[in-house]
Amino acid sequence: MFPTSRLRRLRYHPAVRALVRETRLTPANLILPLFVRPGERVRQPIQSMPGHGQLSPDTLAEEIDQARALGLGGVILFGIPEAKDATGSDATSESGIIAQAIRAAKQAAPDLLVMTDLCCCEYTDHGHCGIIGRSTGRLDVENDPTLELLARQAVTHARAGADVVAPSGMIDGMVGAIRAGLDAAGFSHLPILSYAAKYASAFYGPFREAAESAPQFGDRRGYQMDPAAAAGQAIREIEADLEEGADLIMVKPALAYLDILRQASQRFPGVPLAAYNVSGEYSMVKAAAERGWLDEKAVALECLTAIRRAGASIILSYWAKEAARWLE
């Protein structure tokens, strides 16, 4: 009890504060999302995400080299094809934009970890995460027909050189189908990072501009999780994906779902846990900082530290490069 106990003793000196810290944030914890489109020397700014742009494969190589030099944990690639169709066929093409992007990334930095987002929304003309039909009585993503498509995408990404595939569609059975497809094609060593608890969030707005993936009708609430759902639903989703063969799991978004991160880290000790610090979380801080309302560096590092403290050892963040420089 005070005055014998004075907790400020652990805070009075910078070296003491550093000594007793439990949460450590390093560049190796950070994964940089990158958006790739066809062309040459393309660096098309994303208006709602200052500092980021859509890149052609040759320009992507420059970003990859920076990520390597900064000591980042890796990158995750999102493809934006020149032409979209109902089934997102560009994502399964050996000459498609995502295959080109993977090859360019591995050529630029062979040892840098390259993840790929495995979904249909960036590649389909309707902007949804699978094949569309009416089996539920309304226009929505058909679950089981989409599984074969995701397995084919995974094999295409693996053949191009991806180190990790990350299915993000929240399609029931997606991890099992992808695992079976990869194993049958000789890629049993390739890990799956599942977006196991992905919420139908309002924080994705800037991403949809970046990936040109806004749904052309309806929304994604029929397959992504309800923000008001019980936390136990997220735990069930994670359990199901682990049983199907997921090697790593992800919670998305990060900041509004730190409670889910914490529960997942406690419920599944030893399972690598990732969190996606999403576009809306990034852009709103950027906007406030541009107006002088916030100190961007301080707020960004506080956000990333909070995500680490909640249990994530891997953070996908648009601040990855900046944070790596700040942490130096």
Protein backbone atom coordinates (compact mmCIF):
# COMPACT_ATOMS: atom_id res chain seq x y z
CA MET A 1 0.00 0.00 0.00
CA PHE A 2 1.06 3.59 -0.57
CA PRO A 3 3.50 5.05 0.54
CA THR A 4 5.50 1.81 0.81
CA SER A 5 4.34 0.73 -2.64
CA ARG A 6 4.95 3.35 -5.32
CA LEU A 7 4.28 2.05 -8.82
CA ARG A 8 5.86 5.13 -10.36
CA ARG A 9 9.23 3.66 -9.37
CA LEU A 10 8.90 1.50 -12.48
CA ARG A 11 8.31 4.57 -14.63
CA TYR A 12 10.54 7.34 -13.30
CA HIS A 13 13.55 6.59 -15.54
CA PRO A 14 13.57 5.79 -19.30
CA ALA A 15 15.94 2.86 -18.76
CA VAL A 16 13.70 1.40 -16.06
CA ARG A 17 10.66 1.71 -18.33
CA ALA A 18 12.57 -0.08 -21.09
CA LEU A 19 13.76 -2.78 -18.70
CA VAL A 20 10.28 -3.79 -17.53
CA ARG A 21 8.49 -3.64 -20.88
CA GLU A 22 6.79 -6.85 -21.89
CA THR A 23 5.54 -5.84 -25.34
CA ARG A 24 8.21 -5.49 -28.02
CA LEU A 25 7.49 -4.22 -31.52
CA THR A 26 10.07 -4.83 -34.26
CA PRO A 27 10.07 -4.52 -38.05
CA ALA A 28 10.09 -8.33 -38.23
CA ASN A 29 6.56 -8.32 -36.74
CA LEU A 30 5.24 -6.27 -39.65
CA ILE A 31 3.84 -7.33 -43.04
CA LEU A 32 3.39 -4.69 -45.76
CA PRO A 33 0.28 -4.93 -48.01
CA LEU A 34 0.92 -4.03 -51.66
CA PHE A 35 -1.46 -3.61 -54.60
CA VAL A 36 -0.34 -4.65 -58.07
CA ARG A 37 -1.85 -3.86 -61.48
CA PRO A 38 -0.69 -4.45 -65.08
CA GLY A 39 1.60 -2.02 -66.86
CA GLU A 40 5.08 -0.56 -66.65
CA ARG A 41 6.40 2.18 -64.38
CA VAL A 42 2.96 2.53 -62.78
CA ARG A 43 2.65 4.10 -59.35
CA GLN A 44 -0.94 5.25 -59.20
CA PRO A 45 -1.71 6.98 -55.88
CA ILE A 46 -4.58 5.70 -53.75
CA GLN A 47 -6.33 8.90 -52.73
CA SER A 48 -7.85 7.54 -49.52
CA MET A 49 -4.57 5.94 -48.41
CA PRO A 50 -1.82 8.58 -48.54
CA GLY A 51 1.59 7.08 -49.11
CA HIS A 52 0.27 4.04 -50.97
CA GLY A 53 -0.42 3.34 -54.60
CA GLN A 54 -1.26 0.70 -57.16
CA LEU A 55 2.01 -0.58 -58.59
CA SER A 56 3.03 -2.36 -61.77
CA PRO A 57 5.25 -5.43 -61.33
CA ASP A 58 8.45 -3.50 -62.12
CA THR A 59 7.61 -0.75 -59.61
CA LEU A 60 6.61 -3.42 -57.11
CA ALA A 61 10.19 -4.67 -57.21
CA GLU A 62 11.37 -1.32 -55.83
CA GLU A 63 8.96 -1.62 -52.89
CA ILE A 64 10.06 -5.20 -52.27
CA ASP A 65 13.69 -4.12 -52.10
CA GLN A 66 12.77 -1.42 -49.55
CA ALA A 67 10.83 -3.93 -47.45
CA ARG A 68 13.84 -6.24 -47.42
CA ALA A 69 16.24 -3.44 -46.49
CA LEU A 70 13.99 -2.33 -43.62
CA GLY A 71 13.88 -5.83 -42.15
CA LEU A 72 10.13 -6.29 -42.51
CA GLY A 73 8.62 -9.69 -41.84
CA GLY A 74 7.33 -9.81 -45.40
CA VAL A 75 4.70 -8.50 -47.80
CA ILE A 76 1.20 -9.54 -48.80
CA LEU A 77 0.16 -9.03 -52.42
CA PHE A 78 -3.24 -8.05 -53.82
CA GLY A 79 -3.76 -8.28 -57.59
CA ILE A 80 -5.89 -5.94 -59.71
CA PRO A 81 -6.43 -7.49 -63.15
CA GLU A 82 -6.90 -5.58 -66.36
CA ALA A 83 -10.12 -7.51 -67.08
CA LYS A 84 -12.51 -9.03 -64.55
CA ASP A 85 -15.14 -11.72 -65.04
CA ALA A 86 -17.76 -13.62 -63.05
CA THR A 87 -15.32 -16.23 -61.71
CA GLY A 88 -12.18 -14.13 -61.33
CA SER A 89 -10.28 -16.25 -63.83
CA ASP A 90 -7.23 -13.96 -63.83
CA ALA A 91 -6.41 -15.22 -60.32
CA THR A 92 -5.99 -18.78 -61.61
CA SER A 93 -3.98 -17.83 -64.69
CA GLU A 94 -0.25 -18.53 -64.76
CA SER A 95 0.11 -15.22 -66.63
CA GLY A 96 -2.37 -13.31 -64.45
CA ILE A 97 -1.42 -10.21 -62.50
CA ILE A 98 -0.98 -11.96 -59.16
CA ALA A 99 1.32 -14.60 -60.68
CA GLN A 100 3.33 -11.81 -62.33
CA ALA A 101 3.52 -9.95 -59.02
CA ILE A 102 4.74 -12.98 -57.09
CA ARG A 103 7.47 -13.69 -59.62
CA ALA A 104 8.58 -10.04 -59.62
CA ALA A 105 8.69 -9.98 -55.82
CA LYS A 106 10.72 -13.18 -55.55
CA GLN A 107 13.12 -12.04 -58.23
CA ALA A 108 13.69 -8.73 -56.40
CA ALA A 109 14.22 -10.31 -52.97
CA PRO A 110 14.29 -14.12 -53.02
CA ASP A 111 14.54 -14.41 -49.24
CA LEU A 112 11.76 -11.97 -48.34
CA LEU A 113 8.53 -13.69 -47.29
CA VAL A 114 5.80 -13.22 -49.91
CA MET A 115 2.21 -13.83 -48.86
CA THR A 116 -0.75 -13.63 -51.20
CA ASP A 117 -4.33 -12.71 -50.47
CA LEU A 118 -6.43 -15.63 -51.70
CA CYS A 119 -9.91 -14.45 -52.64
CA CYS A 120 -12.10 -13.60 -55.62
CA CYS A 121 -13.28 -10.07 -54.83
CA GLU A 122 -10.38 -8.27 -56.54
CA TYR A 123 -10.77 -10.39 -59.68
CA THR A 124 -14.55 -10.68 -60.18
CA ASP A 125 -16.71 -8.20 -62.07
CA HIS A 126 -19.32 -8.34 -59.28
CA GLY A 127 -16.82 -7.69 -56.45
CA HIS A 128 -17.88 -10.59 -54.26
CA CYS A 129 -15.68 -13.31 -52.80
CA GLY A 130 -16.87 -16.27 -54.88
CA ILE A 131 -19.32 -17.62 -57.41
CA ILE A 132 -22.72 -15.92 -57.32
CA GLY A 133 -26.01 -17.79 -57.21
CA ARG A 134 -29.41 -17.99 -55.52
CA SER A 135 -29.28 -21.25 -53.58
CA THR A 136 -30.05 -19.34 -50.36
CA GLY A 137 -33.08 -17.69 -51.92
CA ARG A 138 -31.28 -14.44 -52.64
CA LEU A 139 -28.30 -13.38 -54.71
CA ASP A 140 -25.24 -14.34 -52.69
CA VAL A 141 -21.92 -16.21 -52.81
CA GLU A 142 -22.36 -19.94 -53.42
CA ASN A 143 -20.23 -21.60 -50.77
CA ASP A 144 -19.30 -25.05 -52.08
CA PRO A 145 -18.77 -24.16 -55.78
CA THR A 146 -16.35 -21.45 -54.64
CA LEU A 147 -14.10 -23.94 -52.84
CA GLU A 148 -12.73 -25.50 -56.03
CA LEU A 149 -11.97 -22.04 -57.37
CA LEU A 150 -10.00 -21.13 -54.23
CA ALA A 151 -8.00 -24.35 -54.42
CA ARG A 152 -7.05 -23.56 -58.02
CA GLN A 153 -6.01 -20.05 -57.03
CA ALA A 154 -3.81 -21.41 -54.25
CA VAL A 155 -1.99 -23.77 -56.61
CA THR A 156 -1.43 -20.95 -59.12
CA HIS A 157 0.05 -18.75 -56.39
CA ALA A 158 2.23 -21.59 -55.14
CA ARG A 159 3.59 -22.36 -58.61
CA ALA A 160 4.46 -18.68 -59.08
CA GLY A 161 6.53 -18.78 -55.87
CA ALA A 162 4.31 -17.63 -52.99
CA ASP A 163 5.64 -18.53 -49.54
CA VAL A 164 2.29 -18.33 -47.71
CA VAL A 165 -1.29 -18.20 -49.01
CA ALA A 166 -3.90 -16.28 -47.03
CA PRO A 167 -7.56 -17.09 -47.82
CA SER A 168 -9.75 -14.12 -46.86
CA GLY A 169 -13.25 -14.91 -48.12
CA MET A 170 -14.73 -16.47 -44.96
CA ILE A 171 -16.08 -19.33 -47.07
CA ASP A 172 -16.95 -22.43 -45.02
CA GLY A 173 -14.45 -25.20 -45.72
CA MET A 174 -12.00 -22.95 -47.56
CA VAL A 175 -8.93 -24.02 -45.59
CA GLY A 176 -9.62 -27.73 -46.10
CA ALA A 177 -10.16 -27.29 -49.82
CA ILE A 178 -7.02 -25.20 -50.23
CA ARG A 179 -4.97 -27.63 -48.15
CA ALA A 180 -6.15 -30.55 -50.27
CA GLY A 181 -5.41 -28.67 -53.48
CA LEU A 182 -1.93 -27.65 -52.40
CA ASP A 183 -1.06 -31.12 -51.14
CA ALA A 184 -2.24 -32.78 -54.35
CA ALA A 185 -0.10 -30.37 -56.39
CA GLY A 186 3.04 -31.10 -54.37
CA PHE A 187 2.96 -28.08 -52.06
CA SER A 188 2.36 -29.82 -48.74
CA HIS A 189 5.08 -27.62 -47.21
CA LEU A 190 3.27 -24.35 -47.99
CA PRO A 191 1.60 -22.71 -44.93
CA ILE A 192 -1.94 -21.32 -44.89
CA LEU A 193 -2.62 -18.09 -43.02
CA SER A 194 -6.39 -18.03 -42.65
CA TYR A 195 -8.42 -14.87 -42.19
CA ALA A 196 -10.24 -16.98 -39.62
CA ALA A 197 -12.21 -14.21 -37.92
CA LYS A 198 -12.92 -11.54 -40.51
CA TYR A 199 -15.71 -9.12 -39.75
CA ALA A 200 -18.07 -7.29 -42.12
CA SER A 201 -16.50 -4.02 -41.08
CA ALA A 202 -16.99 -0.39 -42.06
CA PHE A 203 -13.22 0.07 -41.75
CA TYR A 204 -12.54 -1.47 -45.18
CA GLY A 205 -13.62 1.54 -47.27
CA PRO A 206 -10.19 2.77 -48.43
CA PHE A 207 -9.09 -0.79 -49.24
CA ARG A 208 -11.97 -1.15 -51.67
CA GLU A 209 -10.66 1.84 -53.59
CA ALA A 210 -7.12 0.43 -53.47
CA ALA A 211 -8.10 -3.06 -54.67
CA GLU A 212 -11.03 -1.89 -56.84
CA SER A 213 -13.11 -4.55 -55.11
CA ALA A 214 -16.30 -2.83 -53.94
CA PRO A 215 -19.34 -5.15 -54.30
CA GLN A 216 -21.49 -4.22 -57.28
CA PHE A 217 -24.62 -5.21 -55.38
CA GLY A 218 -25.50 -5.90 -51.76
CA ASP A 219 -22.73 -6.37 -49.21
CA ARG A 220 -20.65 -9.15 -47.66
CA ARG A 221 -22.60 -9.65 -44.47
CA GLY A 222 -23.81 -13.04 -45.68
CA TYR A 223 -20.33 -14.53 -45.28
CA GLN A 224 -18.17 -12.15 -43.22
CA MET A 225 -18.81 -12.05 -39.47
CA ASP A 226 -21.34 -9.75 -37.81
CA PRO A 227 -19.52 -7.18 -35.62
CA ALA A 228 -22.18 -7.70 -32.93
CA ALA A 229 -21.82 -11.50 -32.89
CA ALA A 230 -20.73 -13.23 -29.70
CA ALA A 231 -16.98 -13.62 -29.37
CA GLY A 232 -17.56 -17.37 -29.20
CA GLN A 233 -18.47 -17.35 -32.90
CA ALA A 234 -14.98 -16.10 -33.72
CA ILE A 235 -13.48 -18.85 -31.58
CA ARG A 236 -15.58 -21.45 -33.45
CA GLU A 237 -14.39 -20.05 -36.79
CA ILE A 238 -10.77 -20.27 -35.66
CA GLU A 239 -11.21 -23.81 -34.33
CA ALA A 240 -12.77 -24.94 -37.60
CA ASP A 241 -9.93 -23.50 -39.69
CA LEU A 242 -7.28 -25.05 -37.46
CA GLU A 243 -8.99 -28.44 -37.74
CA GLU A 244 -8.97 -28.08 -41.53
CA GLY A 245 -5.24 -27.42 -41.58
CA ALA A 246 -4.63 -23.70 -41.07
CA ASP A 247 -1.09 -23.04 -39.86
CA LEU A 248 -1.58 -19.42 -38.83
CA ILE A 249 -4.76 -17.49 -38.04
CA MET A 250 -5.79 -13.88 -38.44
CA VAL A 251 -8.28 -11.48 -36.88
CA LYS A 252 -9.45 -8.60 -39.08
CA PRO A 253 -9.83 -5.67 -38.38
CA ALA A 254 -7.40 -5.27 -35.49
CA LEU A 255 -8.15 -2.24 -33.32
CA ALA A 256 -11.91 -2.65 -32.99
CA TYR A 257 -11.45 -6.37 -32.22
CA LEU A 258 -8.64 -6.42 -29.68
CA ASP A 259 -10.93 -8.42 -27.39
CA ILE A 260 -11.11 -11.15 -30.06
CA LEU A 261 -7.33 -11.07 -30.45
CA ARG A 262 -6.84 -11.49 -26.72
CA GLN A 263 -9.31 -14.37 -26.48
CA ALA A 264 -7.75 -16.09 -29.48
CA SER A 265 -4.24 -15.78 -28.04
CA GLN A 266 -5.40 -17.29 -24.76
CA ARG A 267 -7.57 -20.01 -26.30
CA PHE A 268 -4.96 -21.16 -28.85
CA PRO A 269 -1.50 -20.85 -27.26
CA GLY A 270 1.24 -21.82 -29.65
CA VAL A 271 -0.77 -20.97 -32.76
CA PRO A 272 0.81 -18.00 -34.61
CA LEU A 273 -1.70 -15.14 -34.48
CA ALA A 274 -1.89 -12.31 -37.02
CA ALA A 275 -3.97 -9.16 -37.03
CA TYR A 276 -4.76 -6.86 -39.93
CA ASN A 277 -4.43 -3.17 -39.06
CA VAL A 278 -6.82 -2.26 -41.85
CA SER A 279 -7.11 0.64 -44.26
CA GLY A 280 -9.73 2.61 -42.34
CA GLU A 281 -7.65 2.43 -39.17
CA TYR A 282 -4.70 3.78 -41.14
CA SER A 283 -6.51 6.42 -43.18
CA MET A 284 -8.37 8.08 -40.34
CA VAL A 285 -5.11 8.64 -38.44
CA LYS A 286 -3.46 9.94 -41.61
CA ALA A 287 -6.33 12.39 -42.15
CA ALA A 288 -6.21 13.65 -38.56
CA ALA A 289 -2.41 13.99 -38.72
CA GLU A 290 -2.62 16.01 -41.95
CA ARG A 291 -4.86 18.47 -40.09
CA GLY A 292 -2.49 18.66 -37.15
CA TRP A 293 -4.96 17.01 -34.79
CA LEU A 294 -2.74 14.01 -33.98
CA ASP A 295 0.93 13.08 -33.88
CA GLU A 296 0.94 10.35 -36.53
CA LYS A 297 4.13 8.61 -35.39
CA ALA A 298 3.04 8.46 -31.75
CA VAL A 299 -0.48 7.28 -32.55
CA ALA A 300 0.61 4.71 -35.13
CA LEU A 301 3.22 3.14 -32.84
CA GLU A 302 0.72 3.13 -29.96
CA CYS A 303 -1.83 1.34 -32.14
CA LEU A 304 0.71 -1.25 -33.32
CA THR A 305 1.94 -1.81 -29.77
CA ALA A 306 -1.64 -2.34 -28.58
CA ILE A 307 -2.15 -4.98 -31.26
CA ARG A 308 1.02 -6.75 -30.16
CA ARG A 309 -0.01 -6.52 -26.49
CA ALA A 310 -3.38 -8.10 -27.30
CA GLY A 311 -1.56 -11.17 -28.61
CA ALA A 312 -0.69 -10.73 -32.29
CA SER A 313 2.86 -11.69 -33.24
CA ILE A 314 2.25 -10.74 -36.89
CA ILE A 315 0.72 -7.40 -37.90
CA LEU A 316 -0.34 -6.55 -41.43
CA SER A 317 -0.15 -2.77 -41.57
CA TYR A 318 0.06 0.06 -44.09
CA TRP A 319 2.46 1.72 -41.63
CA ALA A 320 4.95 -1.13 -41.94
CA LYS A 321 7.68 0.81 -43.75
CA GLU A 322 7.21 3.99 -41.71
CA ALA A 323 7.06 2.07 -38.46
CA ALA A 324 10.28 0.22 -39.31
CA ARG A 325 12.04 3.57 -39.81
CA TRP A 326 10.57 5.00 -36.61
CA LEU A 327 11.65 1.94 -34.64
CA GLU A 328 15.26 2.45 -35.70
